[in-house]
Amino acid sequence: MSDNPYDLAEEAAARLRERLGLDRIDVALVLGSGWSSATEVLDPIASCELADLPGFSAPVVPGHGGRLIAVRTPGGRVAAIFTGRTHLYEGRGVDAVVHGVRTAAAAGASRIVLTNGCGGLDPNRPPGTVVLIADHLNLTGATPLRGARFVDLSEAYSRDLRDLARRVEPGLGEGVYVQFHGPQFETPAEVRMAGILGGDLVGMSTTLETIAAREAGMEVLGLSLVTNLAAGLSPVPLDHHDVQEAGQEAGPRLQRLVTGLLEVL
């Protein structure tokens, strides 16, 4: 395998097309914590283990699957659904975190949907609420860009795709997502800081993938599932089991949302 992350993505894309028997993919979805139930109502045309593709490894976080599923949309497009992702806190480096995004772009995808489970700062958005990401704050201190690669993030998350998402679910609100490094949950002081800086949602994924997607020229739709109130707002200690439980309870809604998005993307 190549040591160059862009060449490695090309290798993975070639293997992906071979394993799935496809010429290309048109759109990609990355399912984060709590979103795995969205695949239960889909009818795959092909699938493979992510770990079988160059540069990927089996997910280590409970609630993340390890398969790549291809489905055909009602409009005849091919969507590739990544049921797991690598997180920065796993210690494998930024290139591993964004490898799925780069692979999707190399396989032909021009649009990507990035989902996550997150802590919410607004008590009026209880667990189970889905929020469109309108912008982000990357507090990881990291970037997937190498050298003098200047990428415009004025519209990191596509306004047009947010409008399409509202055709599926008109009541979707928007917010600013703040990524911390993790794996520890944020402290109440860090949550207050995120709010002062303009954040509405806190989590441990997505922003680095968005930067890589924009570098590759893809349009990005970001969706956060509020799985718990953030530290200092939650009346109970935070636990990853609660994240999984919130995703299970929101399962039918997430299934309808993902199915609807596949009809319009």
C-alpha atoms as a PDB file:
ATOM      1  CA  MET A   1       0.000   0.000   0.000  1.00  0.00           C
ATOM      2  CA  SER A   2       1.113   3.525  -0.725  1.00  0.00           C
ATOM      3  CA  ASP A   3       2.302   5.857   2.042  1.00  0.00           C
ATOM      4  CA  ASN A   4       0.755   8.800   0.191  1.00  0.00           C
ATOM      5  CA  PRO A   5      -2.805   9.252   1.566  1.00  0.00           C
ATOM      6  CA  TYR A   6      -4.186  10.422  -1.782  1.00  0.00           C
ATOM      7  CA  ASP A   7      -2.671   7.453  -3.635  1.00  0.00           C
ATOM      8  CA  LEU A   8      -3.956   5.134  -0.901  1.00  0.00           C
ATOM      9  CA  ALA A   9      -7.464   6.539  -1.399  1.00  0.00           C
ATOM     10  CA  GLU A  10      -7.178   5.793  -5.136  1.00  0.00           C
ATOM     11  CA  GLU A  11      -6.148   2.208  -4.320  1.00  0.00           C
ATOM     12  CA  ALA A  12      -9.055   1.820  -1.924  1.00  0.00           C
ATOM     13  CA  ALA A  13     -11.488   3.286  -4.461  1.00  0.00           C
ATOM     14  CA  ALA A  14     -10.318   0.831  -7.114  1.00  0.00           C
ATOM     15  CA  ARG A  15     -10.764  -2.089  -4.693  1.00  0.00           C
ATOM     16  CA  LEU A  16     -14.157  -0.717  -3.633  1.00  0.00           C
ATOM     17  CA  ARG A  17     -15.404  -0.643  -7.223  1.00  0.00           C
ATOM     18  CA  GLU A  18     -14.036  -4.147  -7.790  1.00  0.00           C
ATOM     19  CA  ARG A  19     -15.539  -5.638  -4.625  1.00  0.00           C
ATOM     20  CA  LEU A  20     -18.939  -4.003  -5.172  1.00  0.00           C
ATOM     21  CA  GLY A  21     -19.005  -4.601  -8.933  1.00  0.00           C
ATOM     22  CA  LEU A  22     -19.621  -0.923  -9.662  1.00  0.00           C
ATOM     23  CA  ASP A  23     -18.125   1.532 -12.134  1.00  0.00           C
ATOM     24  CA  ARG A  24     -18.420   4.439  -9.684  1.00  0.00           C
ATOM     25  CA  ILE A  25     -20.403   5.825  -6.777  1.00  0.00           C
ATOM     26  CA  ASP A  26     -22.314   9.097  -6.864  1.00  0.00           C
ATOM     27  CA  VAL A  27     -22.958   9.935  -3.224  1.00  0.00           C
ATOM     28  CA  ALA A  28     -21.543   8.722   0.101  1.00  0.00           C
ATOM     29  CA  LEU A  29     -22.956   8.592   3.621  1.00  0.00           C
ATOM     30  CA  VAL A  30     -20.939   8.132   6.812  1.00  0.00           C
ATOM     31  CA  LEU A  31     -23.060   6.842   9.690  1.00  0.00           C
ATOM     32  CA  GLY A  32     -21.911   8.014  13.108  1.00  0.00           C
ATOM     33  CA  SER A  33     -22.857   7.025  16.636  1.00  0.00           C
ATOM     34  CA  GLY A  34     -26.550   6.248  16.914  1.00  0.00           C
ATOM     35  CA  TRP A  35     -27.201   6.140  13.166  1.00  0.00           C
ATOM     36  CA  SER A  36     -26.610   2.434  12.432  1.00  0.00           C
ATOM     37  CA  SER A  37     -30.321   1.561  12.507  1.00  0.00           C
ATOM     38  CA  ALA A  38     -30.782   3.686   9.384  1.00  0.00           C
ATOM     39  CA  THR A  39     -29.476   0.800   7.264  1.00  0.00           C
ATOM     40  CA  GLU A  40     -32.080  -1.702   8.460  1.00  0.00           C
ATOM     41  CA  VAL A  41     -34.706  -0.608   5.927  1.00  0.00           C
ATOM     42  CA  LEU A  42     -32.343  -0.312   2.957  1.00  0.00           C
ATOM     43  CA  ASP A  43     -32.023  -2.885   0.174  1.00  0.00           C
ATOM     44  CA  PRO A  44     -28.303  -3.200  -0.657  1.00  0.00           C
ATOM     45  CA  ILE A  45     -27.157  -4.021  -4.159  1.00  0.00           C
ATOM     46  CA  ALA A  46     -23.700  -4.969  -2.835  1.00  0.00           C
ATOM     47  CA  SER A  47     -21.609  -4.798   0.330  1.00  0.00           C
ATOM     48  CA  CYS A  48     -18.171  -5.580   1.688  1.00  0.00           C
ATOM     49  CA  GLU A  49     -16.193  -5.317   4.905  1.00  0.00           C
ATOM     50  CA  LEU A  50     -14.453  -1.973   5.283  1.00  0.00           C
ATOM     51  CA  ALA A  51     -11.396  -3.723   6.701  1.00  0.00           C
ATOM     52  CA  ASP A  52     -11.001  -5.538   3.351  1.00  0.00           C
ATOM     53  CA  LEU A  53     -10.235  -2.251   1.596  1.00  0.00           C
ATOM     54  CA  PRO A  54      -6.711  -0.725   1.596  1.00  0.00           C
ATOM     55  CA  GLY A  55      -6.172   1.728   4.435  1.00  0.00           C
ATOM     56  CA  PHE A  56      -9.289   0.813   6.431  1.00  0.00           C
ATOM     57  CA  SER A  57      -9.548  -1.073   9.703  1.00  0.00           C
ATOM     58  CA  ALA A  58     -12.458  -2.455  11.682  1.00  0.00           C
ATOM     59  CA  PRO A  59     -14.224   0.208  13.802  1.00  0.00           C
ATOM     60  CA  VAL A  60     -13.370   0.120  17.501  1.00  0.00           C
ATOM     61  CA  VAL A  61     -16.269   2.187  18.875  1.00  0.00           C
ATOM     62  CA  PRO A  62     -19.448   0.379  20.008  1.00  0.00           C
ATOM     63  CA  GLY A  63     -22.399   1.367  17.842  1.00  0.00           C
ATOM     64  CA  HIS A  64     -20.335   1.673  14.666  1.00  0.00           C
ATOM     65  CA  GLY A  65     -20.651  -1.018  12.026  1.00  0.00           C
ATOM     66  CA  GLY A  66     -17.818  -2.333   9.900  1.00  0.00           C
ATOM     67  CA  ARG A  67     -19.404  -2.652   6.464  1.00  0.00           C
ATOM     68  CA  LEU A  68     -19.648  -0.627   3.308  1.00  0.00           C
ATOM     69  CA  ILE A  69     -23.120  -0.933   1.796  1.00  0.00           C
ATOM     70  CA  ALA A  70     -24.082   0.163  -1.717  1.00  0.00           C
ATOM     71  CA  VAL A  71     -27.684   1.018  -2.585  1.00  0.00           C
ATOM     72  CA  ARG A  72     -29.316   2.385  -5.710  1.00  0.00           C
ATOM     73  CA  THR A  73     -31.400   5.504  -5.197  1.00  0.00           C
ATOM     74  CA  PRO A  74     -34.832   6.013  -6.776  1.00  0.00           C
ATOM     75  CA  GLY A  75     -33.136   8.391  -9.207  1.00  0.00           C
ATOM     76  CA  GLY A  76     -30.748   5.652 -10.366  1.00  0.00           C
ATOM     77  CA  ARG A  77     -27.676   6.971  -8.542  1.00  0.00           C
ATOM     78  CA  VAL A  78     -25.381   4.744  -6.484  1.00  0.00           C
ATOM     79  CA  ALA A  79     -24.911   5.606  -2.817  1.00  0.00           C
ATOM     80  CA  ALA A  80     -22.125   4.095  -0.713  1.00  0.00           C
ATOM     81  CA  ILE A  81     -22.873   3.948   3.008  1.00  0.00           C
ATOM     82  CA  PHE A  82     -19.943   3.694   5.414  1.00  0.00           C
ATOM     83  CA  THR A  83     -21.320   2.169   8.623  1.00  0.00           C
ATOM     84  CA  GLY A  84     -18.223   3.063  10.608  1.00  0.00           C
ATOM     85  CA  ARG A  85     -15.510   5.705  10.861  1.00  0.00           C
ATOM     86  CA  THR A  86     -12.100   6.230  12.447  1.00  0.00           C
ATOM     87  CA  HIS A  87     -11.865   8.877  15.175  1.00  0.00           C
ATOM     88  CA  LEU A  88      -8.880  11.112  15.890  1.00  0.00           C
ATOM     89  CA  TYR A  89      -8.663   9.850  19.478  1.00  0.00           C
ATOM     90  CA  GLU A  90      -7.891   6.336  18.240  1.00  0.00           C
ATOM     91  CA  GLY A  91      -4.343   7.523  17.579  1.00  0.00           C
ATOM     92  CA  ARG A  92      -4.095   6.411  13.946  1.00  0.00           C
ATOM     93  CA  GLY A  93      -3.579   9.940  12.647  1.00  0.00           C
ATOM     94  CA  VAL A  94      -5.629  12.413  10.656  1.00  0.00           C
ATOM     95  CA  ASP A  95      -5.126  10.615   7.329  1.00  0.00           C
ATOM     96  CA  ALA A  96      -6.880   7.535   8.730  1.00  0.00           C
ATOM     97  CA  VAL A  97      -9.744   9.715   9.998  1.00  0.00           C
ATOM     98  CA  VAL A  98     -10.458  11.152   6.548  1.00  0.00           C
ATOM     99  CA  HIS A  99      -9.549   8.082   4.485  1.00  0.00           C
ATOM    100  CA  GLY A 100     -13.195   7.139   3.933  1.00  0.00           C
ATOM    101  CA  VAL A 101     -13.982  10.601   2.608  1.00  0.00           C
ATOM    102  CA  ARG A 102     -11.019  10.597   0.251  1.00  0.00           C
ATOM    103  CA  THR A 103     -11.885   7.090  -0.927  1.00  0.00           C
ATOM    104  CA  ALA A 104     -15.467   8.129  -1.669  1.00  0.00           C
ATOM    105  CA  ALA A 105     -14.230  11.114  -3.666  1.00  0.00           C
ATOM    106  CA  ALA A 106     -11.750   8.955  -5.579  1.00  0.00           C
ATOM    107  CA  ALA A 107     -14.586   6.522  -6.399  1.00  0.00           C
ATOM    108  CA  GLY A 108     -16.585   9.341  -7.987  1.00  0.00           C
ATOM    109  CA  ALA A 109     -18.785  10.754  -5.217  1.00  0.00           C
ATOM    110  CA  SER A 110     -19.581  14.448  -5.582  1.00  0.00           C
ATOM    111  CA  ARG A 111     -21.740  14.675  -2.438  1.00  0.00           C
ATOM    112  CA  ILE A 112     -21.279  13.278   1.049  1.00  0.00           C
ATOM    113  CA  VAL A 113     -23.538  13.100   4.089  1.00  0.00           C
ATOM    114  CA  LEU A 114     -21.647  13.115   7.394  1.00  0.00           C
ATOM    115  CA  THR A 115     -23.641  12.119  10.477  1.00  0.00           C
ATOM    116  CA  ASN A 116     -22.747  11.961  14.141  1.00  0.00           C
ATOM    117  CA  GLY A 117     -24.096  11.592  17.645  1.00  0.00           C
ATOM    118  CA  CYS A 118     -23.426  14.653  19.774  1.00  0.00           C
ATOM    119  CA  GLY A 119     -24.040  16.496  22.990  1.00  0.00           C
ATOM    120  CA  GLY A 120     -26.506  19.357  22.793  1.00  0.00           C
ATOM    121  CA  LEU A 121     -26.191  22.768  24.417  1.00  0.00           C
ATOM    122  CA  ASP A 122     -29.837  23.738  23.943  1.00  0.00           C
ATOM    123  CA  PRO A 123     -32.241  22.213  26.508  1.00  0.00           C
ATOM    124  CA  ASN A 124     -35.017  22.790  23.961  1.00  0.00           C
ATOM    125  CA  ARG A 125     -33.346  20.200  21.708  1.00  0.00           C
ATOM    126  CA  PRO A 126     -33.668  17.014  23.775  1.00  0.00           C
ATOM    127  CA  PRO A 127     -32.067  13.650  22.972  1.00  0.00           C
ATOM    128  CA  GLY A 128     -33.459  12.334  19.698  1.00  0.00           C
ATOM    129  CA  THR A 129     -33.379  15.728  17.963  1.00  0.00           C
ATOM    130  CA  VAL A 130     -31.679  15.866  14.554  1.00  0.00           C
ATOM    131  CA  VAL A 131     -29.895  19.120  13.740  1.00  0.00           C
ATOM    132  CA  LEU A 132     -28.443  20.274  10.409  1.00  0.00           C
ATOM    133  CA  ILE A 133     -24.836  21.418  10.732  1.00  0.00           C
ATOM    134  CA  ALA A 134     -24.584  24.939   9.314  1.00  0.00           C
ATOM    135  CA  ASP A 135     -20.951  25.549  10.343  1.00  0.00           C
ATOM    136  CA  HIS A 136     -18.297  24.150  12.631  1.00  0.00           C
ATOM    137  CA  LEU A 137     -15.505  24.928  15.061  1.00  0.00           C
ATOM    138  CA  ASN A 138     -12.525  22.588  14.784  1.00  0.00           C
ATOM    139  CA  LEU A 139     -10.917  22.554  18.239  1.00  0.00           C
ATOM    140  CA  THR A 140      -8.808  19.453  17.634  1.00  0.00           C
ATOM    141  CA  GLY A 141      -5.673  21.391  16.684  1.00  0.00           C
ATOM    142  CA  ALA A 142      -5.410  19.163  13.594  1.00  0.00           C
ATOM    143  CA  THR A 143      -6.125  19.361   9.871  1.00  0.00           C
ATOM    144  CA  PRO A 144      -6.076  16.794   7.052  1.00  0.00           C
ATOM    145  CA  LEU A 145      -4.480  19.321   4.689  1.00  0.00           C
ATOM    146  CA  ARG A 146      -0.785  18.985   3.876  1.00  0.00           C
ATOM    147  CA  GLY A 147       1.402  21.877   2.893  1.00  0.00           C
ATOM    148  CA  ALA A 148       0.082  24.993   1.143  1.00  0.00           C
ATOM    149  CA  ARG A 149      -3.392  23.655   0.365  1.00  0.00           C
ATOM    150  CA  PHE A 150      -5.732  26.598   0.889  1.00  0.00           C
ATOM    151  CA  VAL A 151      -9.329  25.383   0.978  1.00  0.00           C
ATOM    152  CA  ASP A 152     -12.247  27.825   1.173  1.00  0.00           C
ATOM    153  CA  LEU A 153     -14.597  26.894   4.017  1.00  0.00           C
ATOM    154  CA  SER A 154     -16.950  29.880   3.644  1.00  0.00           C
ATOM    155  CA  GLU A 155     -19.702  27.342   2.991  1.00  0.00           C
ATOM    156  CA  ALA A 156     -18.266  24.150   4.428  1.00  0.00           C
ATOM    157  CA  TYR A 157     -21.778  22.705   4.701  1.00  0.00           C
ATOM    158  CA  SER A 158     -23.824  23.151   1.543  1.00  0.00           C
ATOM    159  CA  ARG A 159     -26.830  25.436   1.851  1.00  0.00           C
ATOM    160  CA  ASP A 160     -28.415  23.691  -1.141  1.00  0.00           C
ATOM    161  CA  LEU A 161     -28.122  20.283   0.527  1.00  0.00           C
ATOM    162  CA  ARG A 162     -29.584  21.660   3.749  1.00  0.00           C
ATOM    163  CA  ASP A 163     -32.546  22.878   1.704  1.00  0.00           C
ATOM    164  CA  LEU A 164     -32.912  19.394   0.201  1.00  0.00           C
ATOM    165  CA  ALA A 165     -32.855  17.879   3.689  1.00  0.00           C
ATOM    166  CA  ARG A 166     -35.706  20.174   4.700  1.00  0.00           C
ATOM    167  CA  ARG A 167     -37.744  18.845   1.793  1.00  0.00           C
ATOM    168  CA  VAL A 168     -37.490  15.477   3.522  1.00  0.00           C
ATOM    169  CA  GLU A 169     -38.058  16.804   7.037  1.00  0.00           C
ATOM    170  CA  PRO A 170     -39.259  20.429   7.032  1.00  0.00           C
ATOM    171  CA  GLY A 171     -38.764  21.016  10.749  1.00  0.00           C
ATOM    172  CA  LEU A 172     -35.011  20.453  10.830  1.00  0.00           C
ATOM    173  CA  GLY A 173     -33.161  23.212  12.675  1.00  0.00           C
ATOM    174  CA  GLU A 174     -29.536  24.291  12.248  1.00  0.00           C
ATOM    175  CA  GLY A 175     -26.569  24.641  14.537  1.00  0.00           C
ATOM    176  CA  VAL A 176     -22.803  25.040  14.832  1.00  0.00           C
ATOM    177  CA  TYR A 177     -20.947  21.818  15.602  1.00  0.00           C
ATOM    178  CA  VAL A 178     -17.829  21.920  17.782  1.00  0.00           C
ATOM    179  CA  GLN A 179     -15.332  19.071  17.546  1.00  0.00           C
ATOM    180  CA  PHE A 180     -13.098  18.248  20.487  1.00  0.00           C
ATOM    181  CA  HIS A 181     -10.322  15.662  20.338  1.00  0.00           C
ATOM    182  CA  GLY A 182     -11.789  13.149  22.822  1.00  0.00           C
ATOM    183  CA  PRO A 183     -12.146  10.371  23.836  1.00  0.00           C
ATOM    184  CA  GLN A 184     -13.088  11.911  27.180  1.00  0.00           C
ATOM    185  CA  PHE A 185     -16.392  13.763  27.224  1.00  0.00           C
ATOM    186  CA  GLU A 186     -16.151  17.533  27.484  1.00  0.00           C
ATOM    187  CA  THR A 187     -16.043  19.210  30.891  1.00  0.00           C
ATOM    188  CA  PRO A 188     -18.792  21.669  31.867  1.00  0.00           C
ATOM    189  CA  ALA A 189     -16.264  24.498  31.435  1.00  0.00           C
ATOM    190  CA  GLU A 190     -15.387  23.300  27.926  1.00  0.00           C
ATOM    191  CA  VAL A 191     -19.084  23.144  27.077  1.00  0.00           C
ATOM    192  CA  ARG A 192     -19.571  26.695  28.338  1.00  0.00           C
ATOM    193  CA  MET A 193     -16.588  27.776  26.230  1.00  0.00           C
ATOM    194  CA  ALA A 194     -18.102  26.118  23.154  1.00  0.00           C
ATOM    195  CA  GLY A 195     -21.317  28.026  23.739  1.00  0.00           C
ATOM    196  CA  ILE A 196     -19.508  31.354  24.175  1.00  0.00           C
ATOM    197  CA  LEU A 197     -17.702  30.716  20.882  1.00  0.00           C
ATOM    198  CA  GLY A 198     -21.021  30.149  19.120  1.00  0.00           C
ATOM    199  CA  GLY A 199     -21.377  26.381  19.317  1.00  0.00           C
ATOM    200  CA  ASP A 200     -24.665  24.502  19.657  1.00  0.00           C
ATOM    201  CA  LEU A 201     -23.435  20.905  19.472  1.00  0.00           C
ATOM    202  CA  VAL A 202     -20.297  19.150  20.761  1.00  0.00           C
ATOM    203  CA  GLY A 203     -18.715  15.922  19.594  1.00  0.00           C
ATOM    204  CA  MET A 204     -15.584  14.095  18.496  1.00  0.00           C
ATOM    205  CA  SER A 205     -15.889  13.694  14.714  1.00  0.00           C
ATOM    206  CA  THR A 206     -16.971  15.266  11.411  1.00  0.00           C
ATOM    207  CA  THR A 207     -15.007  18.535  11.075  1.00  0.00           C
ATOM    208  CA  LEU A 208     -11.801  16.944   9.784  1.00  0.00           C
ATOM    209  CA  GLU A 209     -13.820  14.850   7.337  1.00  0.00           C
ATOM    210  CA  THR A 210     -15.611  17.975   6.148  1.00  0.00           C
ATOM    211  CA  ILE A 211     -12.316  19.736   5.465  1.00  0.00           C
ATOM    212  CA  ALA A 212     -11.077  16.743   3.457  1.00  0.00           C
ATOM    213  CA  ALA A 213     -14.359  16.563   1.541  1.00  0.00           C
ATOM    214  CA  ARG A 214     -14.198  20.245   0.618  1.00  0.00           C
ATOM    215  CA  GLU A 215     -10.577  19.812  -0.467  1.00  0.00           C
ATOM    216  CA  ALA A 216     -11.791  17.035  -2.790  1.00  0.00           C
ATOM    217  CA  GLY A 217     -14.521  19.288  -4.190  1.00  0.00           C
ATOM    218  CA  MET A 218     -17.463  17.462  -2.612  1.00  0.00           C
ATOM    219  CA  GLU A 219     -20.617  19.101  -1.314  1.00  0.00           C
ATOM    220  CA  VAL A 220     -21.186  18.268   2.359  1.00  0.00           C
ATOM    221  CA  LEU A 221     -24.405  17.719   4.286  1.00  0.00           C
ATOM    222  CA  GLY A 222     -23.847  17.422   8.047  1.00  0.00           C
ATOM    223  CA  LEU A 223     -26.429  15.908  10.395  1.00  0.00           C
ATOM    224  CA  SER A 224     -26.099  15.652  14.167  1.00  0.00           C
ATOM    225  CA  LEU A 225     -28.280  13.459  16.355  1.00  0.00           C
ATOM    226  CA  VAL A 226     -28.470  14.939  19.846  1.00  0.00           C
ATOM    227  CA  THR A 227     -27.917  11.877  22.026  1.00  0.00           C
ATOM    228  CA  ASN A 228     -27.545  13.685  25.350  1.00  0.00           C
ATOM    229  CA  LEU A 229     -27.408  17.107  26.893  1.00  0.00           C
ATOM    230  CA  ALA A 230     -23.776  18.209  27.184  1.00  0.00           C
ATOM    231  CA  ALA A 231     -21.814  18.161  30.446  1.00  0.00           C
ATOM    232  CA  GLY A 232     -23.045  20.739  32.921  1.00  0.00           C
ATOM    233  CA  LEU A 233     -26.520  20.616  31.357  1.00  0.00           C
ATOM    234  CA  SER A 234     -27.212  16.920  31.752  1.00  0.00           C
ATOM    235  CA  PRO A 235     -28.709  15.899  35.104  1.00  0.00           C
ATOM    236  CA  VAL A 236     -26.873  12.548  34.929  1.00  0.00           C
ATOM    237  CA  PRO A 237     -23.244  11.526  34.227  1.00  0.00           C
ATOM    238  CA  LEU A 238     -22.425  11.026  30.545  1.00  0.00           C
ATOM    239  CA  ASP A 239     -22.084   7.466  29.255  1.00  0.00           C
ATOM    240  CA  HIS A 240     -21.550   6.094  25.747  1.00  0.00           C
ATOM    241  CA  HIS A 241     -24.336   3.570  26.415  1.00  0.00           C
ATOM    242  CA  ASP A 242     -26.740   6.509  26.493  1.00  0.00           C
ATOM    243  CA  VAL A 243     -25.498   7.538  23.047  1.00  0.00           C
ATOM    244  CA  GLN A 244     -26.352   4.112  21.649  1.00  0.00           C
ATOM    245  CA  GLU A 245     -29.693   4.054  23.442  1.00  0.00           C
ATOM    246  CA  ALA A 246     -30.706   7.449  22.050  1.00  0.00           C
ATOM    247  CA  GLY A 247     -29.888   6.197  18.554  1.00  0.00           C
ATOM    248  CA  GLN A 248     -32.043   3.108  19.034  1.00  0.00           C
ATOM    249  CA  GLU A 249     -34.984   5.166  20.276  1.00  0.00           C
ATOM    250  CA  ALA A 250     -34.645   7.545  17.317  1.00  0.00           C
ATOM    251  CA  GLY A 251     -34.253   4.632  14.892  1.00  0.00           C
ATOM    252  CA  PRO A 252     -37.549   4.950  12.985  1.00  0.00           C
ATOM    253  CA  ARG A 253     -37.054   8.688  12.461  1.00  0.00           C
ATOM    254  CA  LEU A 254     -33.463   8.217  11.293  1.00  0.00           C
ATOM    255  CA  GLN A 255     -34.575   5.493   8.902  1.00  0.00           C
ATOM    256  CA  ARG A 256     -37.196   7.780   7.363  1.00  0.00           C
ATOM    257  CA  LEU A 257     -34.709  10.637   7.120  1.00  0.00           C
ATOM    258  CA  VAL A 258     -31.945   8.619   5.463  1.00  0.00           C
ATOM    259  CA  THR A 259     -34.395   6.934   3.097  1.00  0.00           C
ATOM    260  CA  GLY A 260     -35.826  10.327   2.164  1.00  0.00           C
ATOM    261  CA  LEU A 261     -32.378  11.817   1.608  1.00  0.00           C
ATOM    262  CA  LEU A 262     -31.492   9.006  -0.769  1.00  0.00           C
ATOM    263  CA  GLU A 263     -34.551   9.980  -2.828  1.00  0.00           C
ATOM    264  CA  VAL A 264     -33.441  13.597  -3.281  1.00  0.00           C
ATOM    265  CA  LEU A 265     -29.627  13.529  -3.312  1.00  0.00           C
END
